[in-house]
Amino acid sequence: MTKHEKVYSLAVSKRPSIQALVSKAWNDNSIKDREFEFLNSELEQYFKLKESLSTNKRHKPPKKQPHDLEKLKKQIRDEVREELQKQILTAE
């Protein structure tokens, strides 16, 4: 299995859980803290596993990306709100 195939397989395995939560948040126009933490955890796991597949960084531990959770929550909420407003305006 090539590196590309492994990364693709990893992305496919993470997609359903992430898609389900994003769809729920989109429909509810909100995301609970627990759901957001789970999404963040799934993304971190994906990037750690992807990093471990990298041949250039075999012996380096994966870097943990610092996340400002409140900033990310606000950004996601703003984006969802903006998209919903667009949908409402186009539906009228």
Foldseek 3Di string as FASTA:
>chain_A
DDLVVVLVVLCVVLPPLLVVQVVVCLVVLAHDPVSLVVNVVSVQVSQQVNVCSDPVPPPDHDDDDDDPSVVVRVVVSVVSVVVVVVVVVVVD
